[in-house]
Amino acid sequence: MDRFQFCAGLLGGVALAALPATAFPQAAPAQRLDIARATDMAGRLRMLSQRCTKAYLQWGQSIASEKARTLLRESIALYEAHLAALKGFQPHPAVQASLPQLHTLWSQFKALLIGEPNRTGAASLYDANESLQSAAHYLTVSYANTTGSALEHLLGLAGRQRMLSQRMAKFFFYRTWELFEAPADMELHLSRAHFTAVLTQLETSLHANPAVQAAATRMRRAWEPHQQALFASKDITVMRANAEQVAEGSERVLAAAEEVVALLVAQAQTKPA
């Protein structure tokens, strides 16, 4: 499976039944989708594939495990809500062709999350989450290419920053569990290279308004300390000591990326016809 493609129901089981019901986000009023909102939602599915895996790995290693359990349940609920919303907005054949595949992969992936996290389950998730992320990426590109505008392309890139924030933490936690250590380390460094390149692009793009550029600068401020924790050492003992800091930092960077995306969505919806 090509792990670089990202560049170009209820969950059963005893363990999940024990999670607090309040972990699920409350249903929001239905919103009419347009290309910008659909691109945002599809892009968030890329992120959620990584976030679910990150939370599973955290929980399995007892890294802020209560927060991880809540995060996993919230992420599952949000993924399913987004899938349901996107099913009602399929503006052209590329989207229509990609959604069934994504539904199938999501069902397969979700089944792997059932039960108490363990190393065997974590190993199974390694390829499954990559396939799911790639399918969500294809869907995102399909929506973003509907108009072919530079702003919608930038929106897709900003959305990928959300995914990369979770992707880096995910690979960090594969390393702390001593699973797929060499490929996880390689992917971690590749993800940092992509993140930093797009961050610079967001800060300087002529297609982004000043509010977006300012939000990108705030994302950099969240990123710098997180980057230091991620890459402080390759020693497993040191990495485990930094694990909670990495978990918290990944959520701060994600929140900063969400702000950038929200501002780009608003800009896209108010641009002159």
Protein backbone atom coordinates (compact mmCIF):
# COMPACT_ATOMS: atom_id res chain seq x y z
CA MET A 1 0.00 0.00 0.00
CA ASP A 2 1.35 3.48 -0.92
CA ARG A 3 1.66 5.46 2.28
CA PHE A 4 2.41 8.64 0.37
CA GLN A 5 -0.96 8.86 -1.34
CA PHE A 6 -2.02 11.42 1.22
CA CYS A 7 0.39 13.86 -0.45
CA ALA A 8 -0.94 13.71 -4.01
CA GLY A 9 -23.45 2.33 13.15
CA LEU A 10 -22.17 2.38 16.47
CA LEU A 11 -19.07 0.65 17.71
CA GLY A 12 -19.85 -2.42 19.83
CA GLY A 13 -17.81 -4.31 22.36
CA VAL A 14 -17.53 -4.33 26.10
CA ALA A 15 -14.70 -1.81 26.26
CA LEU A 16 -16.49 0.84 24.23
CA ALA A 17 -19.76 0.22 26.02
CA ALA A 18 -17.97 1.34 29.16
CA LEU A 19 -17.16 4.76 27.70
CA PRO A 20 -19.25 7.70 28.95
CA ALA A 21 -22.15 8.61 26.71
CA THR A 22 -21.29 12.29 27.16
CA ALA A 23 -18.14 11.68 25.13
CA PHE A 24 -20.23 11.85 21.96
CA PRO A 25 -20.68 15.35 20.53
CA GLN A 26 -24.24 16.54 20.55
CA ALA A 27 -26.00 16.51 17.20
CA ALA A 28 -25.77 19.87 15.47
CA PRO A 29 -28.50 21.36 13.31
CA ALA A 30 -28.20 20.18 9.71
CA GLN A 31 -26.28 22.58 7.49
CA ARG A 32 -26.67 22.88 3.75
CA LEU A 33 -23.42 21.78 2.21
CA ASP A 34 -21.50 23.63 -0.47
CA ILE A 35 -18.10 22.84 -1.97
CA ALA A 36 -16.14 24.62 0.75
CA ARG A 37 -18.00 22.91 3.60
CA ALA A 38 -17.84 19.52 1.90
CA THR A 39 -14.10 19.89 1.31
CA ASP A 40 -13.71 20.79 4.99
CA MET A 41 -15.72 17.75 6.12
CA ALA A 42 -13.96 15.32 3.81
CA GLY A 43 -10.62 16.72 4.92
CA ARG A 44 -11.61 16.20 8.53
CA LEU A 45 -12.21 12.52 7.75
CA ARG A 46 -8.53 12.26 6.82
CA MET A 47 -7.67 13.64 10.24
CA LEU A 48 -10.12 11.41 12.11
CA SER A 49 -8.61 8.23 10.64
CA GLN A 50 -5.32 9.26 12.25
CA ARG A 51 -6.91 10.53 15.45
CA CYS A 52 -8.82 7.29 16.06
CA THR A 53 -5.58 5.34 15.68
CA LYS A 54 -3.67 7.77 17.88
CA ALA A 55 -6.29 7.48 20.61
CA TYR A 56 -6.25 3.65 20.39
CA LEU A 57 -2.46 3.62 20.76
CA GLN A 58 -2.61 6.07 23.67
CA TRP A 59 -5.24 4.07 25.48
CA GLY A 60 -3.39 0.81 24.93
CA GLN A 61 -0.21 2.25 26.43
CA SER A 62 -1.99 4.01 29.33
CA ILE A 63 -0.97 7.44 28.07
CA ALA A 64 -3.62 9.78 29.50
CA SER A 65 -5.90 6.78 28.98
CA GLU A 66 -9.18 8.37 30.14
CA LYS A 67 -8.72 11.27 27.73
CA ALA A 68 -7.79 8.80 25.00
CA ARG A 69 -10.95 6.76 25.53
CA THR A 70 -13.07 9.89 25.29
CA LEU A 71 -11.16 11.08 22.24
CA LEU A 72 -11.70 7.76 20.48
CA ARG A 73 -15.42 7.76 21.06
CA GLU A 74 -15.80 11.39 19.99
CA SER A 75 -13.80 10.74 16.85
CA ILE A 76 -15.88 7.71 15.86
CA ALA A 77 -19.11 9.66 16.33
CA LEU A 78 -17.86 12.62 14.31
CA TYR A 79 -16.61 10.39 11.49
CA GLU A 80 -20.01 8.76 11.13
CA ALA A 81 -21.83 12.11 11.27
CA HIS A 82 -19.63 13.52 8.52
CA LEU A 83 -20.05 10.44 6.33
CA ALA A 84 -23.82 10.71 6.64
CA ALA A 85 -23.77 14.41 5.74
CA LEU A 86 -21.51 13.93 2.72
CA LYS A 87 -23.72 11.15 1.40
CA GLY A 88 -26.33 13.83 0.74
CA PHE A 89 -23.98 16.04 -1.28
CA GLN A 90 -22.41 14.31 -4.27
CA PRO A 91 -22.03 17.01 -6.94
CA HIS A 92 -20.18 14.98 -9.58
CA PRO A 93 -19.10 11.44 -10.56
CA ALA A 94 -15.69 11.48 -8.85
CA VAL A 95 -17.37 12.05 -5.49
CA GLN A 96 -20.07 9.50 -6.27
CA ALA A 97 -17.41 6.90 -7.10
CA SER A 98 -15.29 7.47 -3.99
CA LEU A 99 -17.90 7.50 -1.23
CA PRO A 100 -18.89 3.78 -1.36
CA GLN A 101 -15.23 2.74 -1.07
CA LEU A 102 -14.78 5.03 1.91
CA HIS A 103 -17.87 3.57 3.62
CA THR A 104 -16.51 0.03 3.15
CA LEU A 105 -13.07 0.89 4.49
CA TRP A 106 -14.58 2.74 7.46
CA SER A 107 -16.66 -0.31 8.43
CA GLN A 108 -13.57 -2.52 8.29
CA PHE A 109 -11.46 -0.03 10.23
CA LYS A 110 -14.10 0.55 12.90
CA ALA A 111 -14.33 -3.20 13.57
CA LEU A 112 -10.63 -3.22 14.49
CA LEU A 113 -11.26 -0.70 17.28
CA ILE A 114 -13.56 -3.03 19.23
CA GLY A 115 -12.34 -4.22 22.61
CA GLU A 116 -9.46 -3.31 24.88
CA PRO A 117 -6.52 -1.95 22.87
CA ASN A 118 -3.61 -4.37 22.45
CA ARG A 119 -0.46 -4.73 20.37
CA THR A 120 -2.09 -7.15 17.95
CA GLY A 121 -4.90 -4.69 17.31
CA ALA A 122 -2.41 -1.85 16.94
CA ALA A 123 -0.49 -3.85 14.35
CA SER A 124 -3.70 -4.49 12.38
CA LEU A 125 -4.56 -0.80 12.43
CA TYR A 126 -1.24 0.21 10.90
CA ASP A 127 -2.23 -0.55 7.30
CA ALA A 128 -5.98 -0.20 7.77
CA ASN A 129 -5.77 3.42 8.90
CA GLU A 130 -3.53 4.25 5.97
CA SER A 131 -6.03 2.82 3.48
CA LEU A 132 -8.83 4.76 5.15
CA GLN A 133 -6.85 7.98 5.15
CA SER A 134 -5.97 7.57 1.47
CA ALA A 135 -9.63 7.05 0.53
CA ALA A 136 -10.64 10.14 2.51
CA HIS A 137 -7.87 12.08 0.80
CA TYR A 138 -9.20 11.07 -2.63
CA LEU A 139 -12.67 12.21 -1.58
CA THR A 140 -11.31 15.54 -0.35
CA VAL A 141 -9.48 16.15 -3.61
CA SER A 142 -12.64 15.21 -5.53
CA TYR A 143 -14.61 17.92 -3.73
CA ALA A 144 -11.80 20.50 -3.92
CA ASN A 145 -11.38 19.97 -7.66
CA THR A 146 -15.06 20.65 -8.36
CA THR A 147 -14.36 24.30 -9.11
CA GLY A 148 -10.59 24.12 -9.49
CA SER A 149 -10.14 27.40 -7.63
CA ALA A 150 -6.83 28.22 -5.96
CA LEU A 151 -8.63 29.03 -2.72
CA GLU A 152 -10.32 25.64 -2.54
CA HIS A 153 -6.94 23.99 -3.23
CA LEU A 154 -5.48 25.98 -0.33
CA LEU A 155 -8.39 24.85 1.83
CA GLY A 156 -7.53 21.24 1.03
CA LEU A 157 -3.90 21.83 2.04
CA ALA A 158 -4.93 23.51 5.30
CA GLY A 159 -7.20 20.58 6.06
CA ARG A 160 -4.27 18.25 5.59
CA GLN A 161 -2.44 20.07 8.39
CA ARG A 162 -5.13 18.73 10.76
CA MET A 163 -4.41 15.22 9.56
CA LEU A 164 -0.64 15.64 9.87
CA SER A 165 -0.96 16.87 13.46
CA GLN A 166 -2.54 13.55 14.37
CA ARG A 167 -0.42 11.50 12.00
CA MET A 168 2.83 12.55 13.64
CA ALA A 169 1.53 11.72 17.12
CA LYS A 170 0.26 8.38 15.82
CA PHE A 171 3.67 7.37 14.49
CA PHE A 172 5.29 8.60 17.72
CA PHE A 173 3.03 6.22 19.67
CA TYR A 174 3.81 3.33 17.34
CA ARG A 175 7.43 3.93 18.24
CA THR A 176 6.76 4.05 22.00
CA TRP A 177 4.93 0.70 21.67
CA GLU A 178 7.93 -0.62 19.70
CA LEU A 179 5.83 -1.48 16.65
CA PHE A 180 6.97 -0.77 13.07
CA GLU A 181 9.75 1.35 14.53
CA ALA A 182 11.81 2.02 11.38
CA PRO A 183 8.89 2.83 9.04
CA ALA A 184 7.13 4.81 11.78
CA ASP A 185 10.24 6.92 12.32
CA MET A 186 10.57 7.54 8.59
CA GLU A 187 6.90 8.51 8.28
CA LEU A 188 7.18 10.80 11.30
CA HIS A 189 10.00 12.77 9.66
CA LEU A 190 8.25 12.88 6.28
CA SER A 191 5.09 14.20 7.93
CA ARG A 192 7.08 16.95 9.64
CA ALA A 193 8.57 17.98 6.29
CA HIS A 194 5.12 18.21 4.71
CA PHE A 195 3.66 20.06 7.69
CA THR A 196 6.38 22.71 7.80
CA ALA A 197 6.27 23.27 4.01
CA VAL A 198 2.49 23.80 3.98
CA LEU A 199 2.65 25.98 7.09
CA THR A 200 4.99 28.36 5.28
CA GLN A 201 2.70 28.30 2.24
CA LEU A 202 -0.31 29.23 4.39
CA GLU A 203 1.56 32.10 6.01
CA THR A 204 2.62 33.59 2.66
CA SER A 205 -0.09 32.60 0.16
CA LEU A 206 -1.50 35.45 -1.89
CA HIS A 207 -4.83 33.60 -1.90
CA ALA A 208 -5.19 33.72 1.89
CA ASN A 209 -6.56 36.85 3.50
CA PRO A 210 -4.76 38.52 6.44
CA ALA A 211 -6.94 36.72 9.02
CA VAL A 212 -5.94 33.35 7.59
CA GLN A 213 -2.27 34.30 7.51
CA ALA A 214 -2.44 35.47 11.14
CA ALA A 215 -4.09 32.20 12.16
CA ALA A 216 -1.33 30.30 10.35
CA THR A 217 1.22 32.21 12.43
CA ARG A 218 -0.65 31.15 15.58
CA MET A 219 -0.50 27.58 14.34
CA ARG A 220 3.27 27.92 14.07
CA ARG A 221 3.40 29.05 17.70
CA ALA A 222 1.53 25.89 18.72
CA TRP A 223 3.69 23.77 16.43
CA GLU A 224 7.16 24.78 17.64
CA PRO A 225 6.96 23.34 21.21
CA HIS A 226 5.10 20.29 19.90
CA GLN A 227 7.84 19.69 17.34
CA GLN A 228 10.44 19.84 20.08
CA ALA A 229 8.64 17.15 22.09
CA LEU A 230 8.14 14.94 19.04
CA PHE A 231 11.78 14.99 18.01
CA ALA A 232 13.58 15.45 21.32
CA SER A 233 15.07 11.95 21.25
CA LYS A 234 14.89 8.57 19.51
CA ASP A 235 15.48 6.80 22.80
CA ILE A 236 12.31 4.89 23.68
CA THR A 237 12.59 5.69 27.40
CA VAL A 238 12.78 9.42 26.69
CA MET A 239 9.98 9.19 24.15
CA ARG A 240 7.72 7.46 26.68
CA ALA A 241 8.49 10.17 29.22
CA ASN A 242 7.39 12.78 26.65
CA ALA A 243 4.29 10.84 25.54
CA GLU A 244 1.65 12.84 27.44
CA GLN A 245 3.22 16.10 26.26
CA VAL A 246 3.05 14.82 22.67
CA ALA A 247 -0.60 13.81 23.10
CA GLU A 248 -1.54 17.25 24.45
CA GLY A 249 0.54 19.09 21.88
CA SER A 250 -1.08 17.24 18.98
CA GLU A 251 -4.49 18.48 20.13
CA ARG A 252 -3.28 22.07 20.44
CA VAL A 253 -1.86 22.00 16.92
CA LEU A 254 -5.08 20.43 15.68
CA ALA A 255 -7.13 23.23 17.27
CA ALA A 256 -4.90 25.83 15.61
CA ALA A 257 -5.27 24.08 12.24
CA GLU A 258 -9.05 23.98 12.66
CA GLU A 259 -9.03 27.76 13.10
CA VAL A 260 -7.14 28.20 9.83
CA VAL A 261 -9.55 25.90 7.99
CA ALA A 262 -12.62 27.67 9.42
CA LEU A 263 -11.30 31.04 8.25
CA LEU A 264 -10.58 29.67 4.78
CA VAL A 265 -14.09 28.21 4.57
CA ALA A 266 -15.51 31.62 5.50
CA GLN A 267 -13.28 33.31 2.92
CA ALA A 268 -14.36 30.85 0.22
CA GLN A 269 -18.03 31.42 0.98
CA THR A 270 -17.73 35.21 0.78
CA LYS A 271 -15.49 35.51 -2.28
CA PRO A 272 -16.96 37.39 -5.27
CA ALA A 273 -18.78 35.21 -7.78
